[in-house]
Amino acid sequence: MQVDLTERVALVTGSAHRVGKAIALELAKNGVNILVHYHSSEESTVRETTQEIKSYGVDAYPVQADVSTNEGVKTVFDAVKENYGKLDILVNSASVFSANTFMNVMLDDWNKSLRVNLTAPFLCMQAAARLMQDNSLEGGSIVNILDYGAVNPWPDRVDHNISKAGLYMLTKVGAMSLGEYNIRVNGVLPGPVMKDAGTSEEQWQRIGQRSPLGRTGDAGDVARTVRYLVSESYITGTVVKVNGGEDL
């Protein structure tokens, strides 16, 4: 059965920019009200994103917090309850992407990757599940945004790999644990969908040419996959690769 997204409420972490913003906008297009979470984004960026979301005729409320802490999670979920009184969708998109080899990774880097990429999603899932239990038979939907490092070891991103691999397993454990409350937990594992500042256009084109489709994707590909997962009531414990077949 397909879920009607009109007037649903979603918390999208890291939704002020990049992939998180694309997800928030895609959900907004389909009638979802958005709690716009951010941590260190510029206020002007947050305002712009909030206005873009509202342009689709839904409500958007920005809140700043470090969701890798109990205090930050409380701030965000207090805002959810005060502004909307319920939560239907959680998308864990906020992430850090550190570059460290096995021998040079420092404890601070290690802890930050685990805190932002794994602890924060867990704390948000736990808090979200408590709210979603009140949704009666409708339950709720949680989507975790992974990346290729979760399943394929990048030797220059050791702490990142470990944190995302943990999030992969958290997605599976969450699906097993929360199914009794009719809360679905899935993941999206993007491939090359958004060029970072350190990658030239020529390098980006070469990356795309390695896939069977011969091109890169974009953030919209991820956003539409998230929208599909939160719309389908009989999918849980699934991680969808959105990578143009890059891993084949």
Protein backbone atom coordinates (compact mmCIF):
# COMPACT_ATOMS: atom_id res chain seq x y z
CA MET A 1 0.00 0.00 0.00
CA GLN A 2 1.27 3.44 -0.88
CA VAL A 3 1.48 6.08 1.83
CA ASP A 4 -0.11 9.47 1.14
CA LEU A 5 2.59 12.00 2.05
CA THR A 6 0.29 15.02 2.20
CA GLU A 7 0.52 16.82 5.56
CA ARG A 8 3.13 14.40 6.87
CA VAL A 9 5.99 15.76 8.98
CA ALA A 10 9.63 14.99 8.25
CA LEU A 11 12.86 15.74 10.06
CA VAL A 12 15.78 15.79 7.62
CA THR A 13 19.13 16.20 9.34
CA GLY A 14 21.68 18.28 7.48
CA SER A 15 18.95 19.64 5.22
CA ALA A 16 20.25 23.17 4.69
CA HIS A 17 22.40 22.21 1.70
CA ARG A 18 23.66 19.51 -0.66
CA VAL A 19 21.91 16.10 -0.64
CA GLY A 20 19.95 16.83 2.52
CA LYS A 21 18.44 19.91 0.90
CA ALA A 22 17.49 17.97 -2.22
CA ILE A 23 15.72 15.39 -0.06
CA ALA A 24 13.84 18.05 1.89
CA LEU A 25 12.71 19.76 -1.33
CA GLU A 26 11.57 16.49 -2.90
CA LEU A 27 9.48 15.65 0.16
CA ALA A 28 8.08 19.19 0.22
CA LYS A 29 6.97 18.84 -3.41
CA ASN A 30 4.88 15.91 -2.23
CA GLY A 31 3.16 17.78 0.57
CA VAL A 32 5.47 17.03 3.51
CA ASN A 33 6.15 19.66 6.20
CA ILE A 34 9.87 19.84 6.99
CA LEU A 35 11.86 20.38 10.16
CA VAL A 36 15.04 21.84 8.65
CA HIS A 37 17.95 20.73 10.81
CA TYR A 38 21.41 22.25 10.51
CA HIS A 39 24.52 22.51 12.64
CA SER A 40 27.17 24.77 11.12
CA SER A 41 25.58 26.03 7.89
CA GLU A 42 25.43 29.77 7.27
CA GLU A 43 22.22 31.43 8.44
CA SER A 44 21.66 32.88 4.97
CA THR A 45 21.83 29.37 3.48
CA VAL A 46 19.33 28.08 6.02
CA ARG A 47 16.92 30.95 5.33
CA GLU A 48 17.14 30.37 1.58
CA THR A 49 16.47 26.64 1.94
CA THR A 50 13.57 27.24 4.31
CA GLN A 51 11.96 29.66 1.85
CA GLU A 52 12.44 27.22 -1.04
CA ILE A 53 10.68 24.51 0.95
CA LYS A 54 7.81 26.85 1.83
CA SER A 55 7.39 27.76 -1.84
CA TYR A 56 5.79 24.34 -2.32
CA GLY A 57 2.94 25.30 0.00
CA VAL A 58 4.13 23.36 3.04
CA ASP A 59 5.52 24.50 6.36
CA ALA A 60 9.23 24.55 7.21
CA TYR A 61 10.87 25.29 10.52
CA PRO A 62 14.66 25.57 10.93
CA VAL A 63 16.45 24.42 14.07
CA GLN A 64 20.16 24.44 14.84
CA ALA A 65 21.63 21.68 16.99
CA ASP A 66 24.42 19.14 17.35
CA VAL A 67 22.41 15.92 17.13
CA SER A 68 25.38 13.81 18.23
CA THR A 69 24.58 14.95 21.79
CA ASN A 70 21.58 14.27 24.00
CA GLU A 71 21.07 18.01 24.42
CA GLY A 72 21.05 18.61 20.67
CA VAL A 73 18.59 15.80 20.04
CA LYS A 74 16.32 17.18 22.75
CA THR A 75 16.44 20.61 21.10
CA VAL A 76 15.44 19.19 17.72
CA PHE A 77 12.67 16.92 18.97
CA ASP A 78 11.26 19.58 21.28
CA ALA A 79 10.95 21.72 18.13
CA VAL A 80 9.20 18.87 16.31
CA LYS A 81 6.68 18.44 19.13
CA GLU A 82 6.08 22.17 19.65
CA ASN A 83 5.62 22.97 15.95
CA TYR A 84 3.95 19.84 14.61
CA GLY A 85 2.98 17.58 17.48
CA LYS A 86 4.04 14.46 15.57
CA LEU A 87 6.72 12.96 13.34
CA ASP A 88 6.14 10.66 10.37
CA ILE A 89 9.52 10.61 8.61
CA LEU A 90 13.15 10.83 9.72
CA VAL A 91 15.96 11.11 7.18
CA ASN A 92 19.47 10.94 8.62
CA SER A 93 21.48 12.85 6.02
CA ALA A 94 23.96 14.90 8.10
CA SER A 95 27.48 13.54 7.71
CA VAL A 96 31.19 14.27 7.76
CA PHE A 97 33.58 12.91 5.14
CA SER A 98 37.05 12.85 6.65
CA ALA A 99 40.14 11.64 4.81
CA ASN A 100 42.58 9.58 6.91
CA THR A 101 44.70 6.52 6.30
CA PHE A 102 44.94 3.72 8.84
CA MET A 103 48.26 4.90 10.25
CA ASN A 104 47.53 8.63 10.44
CA VAL A 105 43.96 8.74 11.75
CA MET A 106 43.88 10.56 15.07
CA LEU A 107 41.55 9.76 17.93
CA ASP A 108 39.75 13.09 17.55
CA ASP A 109 39.05 12.35 13.87
CA TRP A 110 37.91 8.83 14.70
CA ASN A 111 35.57 10.04 17.43
CA LYS A 112 34.12 12.80 15.26
CA SER A 113 33.31 10.41 12.40
CA LEU A 114 31.62 7.96 14.73
CA ARG A 115 29.80 10.71 16.61
CA VAL A 116 28.37 12.47 13.53
CA ASN A 117 27.89 9.51 11.17
CA LEU A 118 26.71 6.86 13.63
CA THR A 119 25.87 8.15 17.11
CA ALA A 120 23.76 11.05 15.82
CA PRO A 121 21.60 8.83 13.57
CA PHE A 122 21.12 6.36 16.41
CA LEU A 123 20.02 9.05 18.87
CA CYS A 124 17.66 10.54 16.28
CA MET A 125 16.22 7.13 15.42
CA GLN A 126 15.58 6.38 19.07
CA ALA A 127 13.87 9.74 19.67
CA ALA A 128 11.91 9.46 16.42
CA ALA A 129 10.68 5.98 17.26
CA ARG A 130 9.27 7.24 20.55
CA LEU A 131 7.21 9.81 18.65
CA MET A 132 6.27 7.48 15.80
CA GLN A 133 4.83 4.93 18.24
CA ASP A 134 2.02 7.44 18.78
CA ASN A 135 1.06 7.32 15.09
CA SER A 136 -1.20 4.32 15.74
CA LEU A 137 -1.28 1.85 12.84
CA GLU A 138 0.42 4.30 10.48
CA GLY A 139 3.78 4.02 12.22
CA GLY A 140 6.58 5.88 10.49
CA SER A 141 9.53 5.72 8.15
CA ILE A 142 13.26 6.21 8.75
CA VAL A 143 15.83 6.48 5.95
CA ASN A 144 19.58 6.56 6.57
CA ILE A 145 21.88 8.04 3.91
CA LEU A 146 24.98 5.89 3.47
CA ASP A 147 27.74 5.93 0.87
CA TYR A 148 30.06 3.49 -0.85
CA GLY A 149 32.41 3.53 2.13
CA ALA A 150 29.85 1.50 4.07
CA VAL A 151 30.44 -1.58 1.91
CA ASN A 152 33.76 -0.99 0.16
CA PRO A 153 36.97 -0.09 2.03
CA TRP A 154 38.54 3.18 0.95
CA PRO A 155 42.11 3.06 2.30
CA ASP A 156 42.28 6.85 2.62
CA ARG A 157 39.01 7.21 4.57
CA VAL A 158 39.39 4.71 7.38
CA ASP A 159 37.31 6.33 10.13
CA HIS A 160 34.64 7.33 7.63
CA ASN A 161 34.35 3.75 6.34
CA ILE A 162 33.89 2.37 9.84
CA SER A 163 31.24 4.93 10.77
CA LYS A 164 29.20 4.32 7.61
CA ALA A 165 29.53 0.54 7.92
CA GLY A 166 28.12 0.93 11.42
CA LEU A 167 25.23 2.97 10.02
CA TYR A 168 24.57 0.21 7.48
CA MET A 169 24.20 -2.31 10.30
CA LEU A 170 22.18 0.16 12.38
CA THR A 171 19.73 0.34 9.47
CA LYS A 172 19.30 -3.44 9.54
CA VAL A 173 19.05 -3.62 13.33
CA GLY A 174 16.59 -0.73 13.35
CA ALA A 175 14.34 -2.49 10.84
CA MET A 176 14.35 -5.66 12.95
CA SER A 177 13.76 -3.80 16.21
CA LEU A 178 11.16 -1.23 15.17
CA GLY A 179 8.99 -3.31 12.87
CA GLU A 180 6.69 -4.23 15.76
CA TYR A 181 5.73 -0.53 15.94
CA ASN A 182 5.15 -0.41 12.17
CA ILE A 183 8.24 1.76 11.78
CA ARG A 184 10.11 1.03 8.57
CA VAL A 185 13.87 1.57 8.41
CA ASN A 186 15.73 1.66 5.10
CA GLY A 187 18.91 3.08 3.65
CA VAL A 188 20.04 4.76 0.46
CA LEU A 189 23.61 4.23 -0.70
CA PRO A 190 24.51 6.84 -3.31
CA GLY A 191 27.40 6.61 -5.74
CA PRO A 192 28.81 9.68 -7.53
CA VAL A 193 25.90 12.11 -7.27
CA MET A 194 27.52 15.31 -6.03
CA LYS A 195 30.95 16.66 -6.91
CA ASP A 196 33.01 17.99 -4.03
CA ALA A 197 35.16 21.10 -4.17
CA GLY A 198 38.38 19.14 -4.60
CA THR A 199 37.25 17.32 -7.75
CA SER A 200 37.70 18.94 -11.15
CA GLU A 201 35.05 18.71 -13.83
CA GLU A 202 37.33 16.48 -15.89
CA GLN A 203 37.85 14.10 -12.95
CA TRP A 204 34.11 14.05 -12.34
CA GLN A 205 33.43 13.07 -15.93
CA ARG A 206 35.98 10.24 -15.71
CA ILE A 207 34.34 8.95 -12.53
CA GLY A 208 30.99 8.79 -14.31
CA GLN A 209 32.46 7.01 -17.33
CA ARG A 210 33.48 4.07 -15.11
CA SER A 211 29.85 3.10 -14.46
CA PRO A 212 27.74 0.98 -16.84
CA LEU A 213 25.57 4.02 -17.54
CA GLY A 214 28.66 6.08 -18.37
CA ARG A 215 27.66 9.14 -16.35
CA THR A 216 27.34 10.54 -12.86
CA GLY A 217 24.05 11.13 -11.10
CA ASP A 218 22.80 14.04 -9.05
CA ALA A 219 21.25 14.73 -5.65
CA GLY A 220 17.78 14.48 -7.15
CA ASP A 221 18.35 10.78 -7.84
CA VAL A 222 18.90 10.21 -4.13
CA ALA A 223 15.97 12.42 -3.15
CA ARG A 224 13.51 10.58 -5.37
CA THR A 225 14.68 7.25 -3.96
CA VAL A 226 14.06 8.52 -0.43
CA ARG A 227 10.61 9.69 -1.46
CA TYR A 228 9.86 6.24 -2.89
CA LEU A 229 10.98 4.46 0.28
CA VAL A 230 8.91 6.63 2.59
CA SER A 231 5.89 6.19 0.29
CA GLU A 232 5.91 2.39 0.27
CA SER A 233 4.46 0.67 3.34
CA TYR A 234 5.93 -2.82 2.80
CA ILE A 235 9.63 -2.09 2.40
CA THR A 236 11.95 -2.26 5.40
CA GLY A 237 15.52 -3.38 6.06
CA THR A 238 16.49 -2.53 2.48
CA VAL A 239 19.50 -0.52 1.32
CA VAL A 240 19.03 0.85 -2.19
CA LYS A 241 22.13 1.60 -4.24
CA VAL A 242 21.80 4.73 -6.36
CA ASN A 243 25.06 4.57 -8.25
CA GLY A 244 24.51 3.86 -11.93
CA GLY A 245 25.84 0.35 -11.40
CA GLU A 246 29.22 1.68 -10.28
CA ASP A 247 29.98 -1.39 -8.16
CA LEU A 248 29.36 -3.95 -10.91
